[in-house]
Amino acid sequence: MISEDFRKQLEGYGLTTAKILYRLPDHQRLLQTFVWQDYDLFPRFPQLQKFLDFWRRELEGPLHSVTVAHARLIHPSEIRAMNGEFYLN
């Protein structure tokens, strides 16, 4: 049986990491960091958008900024066919 994460990678999902800075509810001048990571689709990031909507709706700490990094883990091969042979002694 194939894992859910591997299936998502085959469908084009990549590993997405978001660094979320938010203000503390009781001390608005202080910022706290939260790191979120999941498989998501570039460039719309529906999973991240769903999480941020939940954050705005359910959590008290207002968002300050979100920085996103994304990488596809399965992609076309980077090996190129070459003409010629090389012999090493």
Protein backbone atom coordinates (compact mmCIF):
# COMPACT_ATOMS: atom_id res chain seq x y z
CA MET A 1 0.00 0.00 0.00
CA ILE A 2 1.31 3.44 -0.96
CA SER A 3 1.62 6.12 1.71
CA GLU A 4 -0.55 9.25 1.54
CA ASP A 5 2.50 11.53 1.53
CA PHE A 6 4.10 9.69 -1.41
CA ARG A 7 0.81 9.78 -3.35
CA LYS A 8 0.61 13.55 -2.83
CA GLN A 9 4.16 13.97 -4.12
CA LEU A 10 3.29 12.04 -7.27
CA GLU A 11 0.29 14.35 -7.76
CA GLY A 12 2.54 17.42 -7.75
CA TYR A 13 2.47 18.41 -4.09
CA GLY A 14 5.70 19.74 -2.60
CA LEU A 15 6.92 20.19 0.94
CA THR A 16 5.85 23.64 2.14
CA THR A 17 7.22 25.33 5.24
CA ALA A 18 5.73 28.56 6.58
CA LYS A 19 7.30 30.72 9.27
CA ILE A 20 4.43 32.58 10.90
CA LEU A 21 5.07 35.64 13.04
CA TYR A 22 2.14 36.65 15.21
CA ARG A 23 1.49 39.13 17.99
CA LEU A 24 0.89 37.85 21.50
CA PRO A 25 -2.73 38.48 22.54
CA ASP A 26 -1.84 40.07 25.89
CA HIS A 27 1.29 41.91 24.72
CA GLN A 28 0.71 43.24 21.20
CA ARG A 29 4.26 44.61 20.90
CA LEU A 30 5.81 41.15 21.27
CA LEU A 31 6.10 38.76 18.33
CA GLN A 32 6.13 34.98 18.56
CA THR A 33 7.19 32.49 15.86
CA PHE A 34 5.25 29.41 14.75
CA VAL A 35 6.52 26.99 12.07
CA TRP A 36 3.97 25.12 9.95
CA GLN A 37 4.91 22.33 7.52
CA ASP A 38 2.80 20.16 5.21
CA TYR A 39 2.55 19.01 1.59
CA ASP A 40 0.90 21.70 -0.52
CA LEU A 41 0.43 22.85 -4.13
CA PHE A 42 2.42 25.77 -5.53
CA PRO A 43 1.48 28.64 -6.19
CA ARG A 44 -1.94 28.84 -4.49
CA PHE A 45 -1.06 26.82 -1.35
CA PRO A 46 -4.62 25.65 -0.51
CA GLN A 47 -3.56 23.76 2.66
CA LEU A 48 -1.69 26.77 4.02
CA GLN A 49 -4.61 29.07 3.18
CA LYS A 50 -6.96 26.71 5.03
CA PHE A 51 -4.67 26.76 8.08
CA LEU A 52 -4.34 30.57 8.03
CA ASP A 53 -8.14 30.92 7.74
CA PHE A 54 -8.48 28.69 10.80
CA TRP A 55 -5.88 30.82 12.61
CA ARG A 56 -7.71 34.08 11.88
CA ARG A 57 -11.07 32.59 12.84
CA GLU A 58 -10.15 30.60 15.99
CA LEU A 59 -6.94 31.96 17.54
CA GLU A 60 -6.44 35.24 19.37
CA GLY A 61 -2.87 36.08 18.25
CA PRO A 62 -3.14 38.40 15.21
CA LEU A 63 -0.86 37.52 12.30
CA HIS A 64 2.08 39.80 11.62
CA SER A 65 3.73 38.06 8.63
CA VAL A 66 4.06 34.72 6.87
CA THR A 67 7.20 33.59 5.02
CA VAL A 68 6.84 30.54 2.76
CA ALA A 69 9.42 28.08 1.38
CA HIS A 70 8.37 25.36 -1.06
CA ALA A 71 10.22 22.47 -2.73
CA ARG A 72 9.00 19.64 -4.92
CA LEU A 73 10.68 16.47 -3.70
CA ILE A 74 9.89 14.37 -6.78
CA HIS A 75 10.72 16.01 -10.09
CA PRO A 76 12.01 15.05 -13.54
CA SER A 77 15.41 13.43 -13.60
CA GLU A 78 18.43 15.69 -13.88
CA ILE A 79 20.53 13.07 -15.70
CA ARG A 80 21.36 13.88 -19.33
CA ALA A 81 22.41 11.36 -21.95
CA MET A 82 25.93 12.00 -23.26
CA ASN A 83 27.59 10.79 -26.43
CA GLY A 84 30.93 9.11 -25.93
CA GLU A 85 32.73 6.73 -23.62
CA PHE A 86 35.50 7.33 -21.16
CA TYR A 87 37.87 4.67 -19.89
CA LEU A 88 39.71 4.89 -16.59
CA ASN A 89 42.71 2.68 -15.81
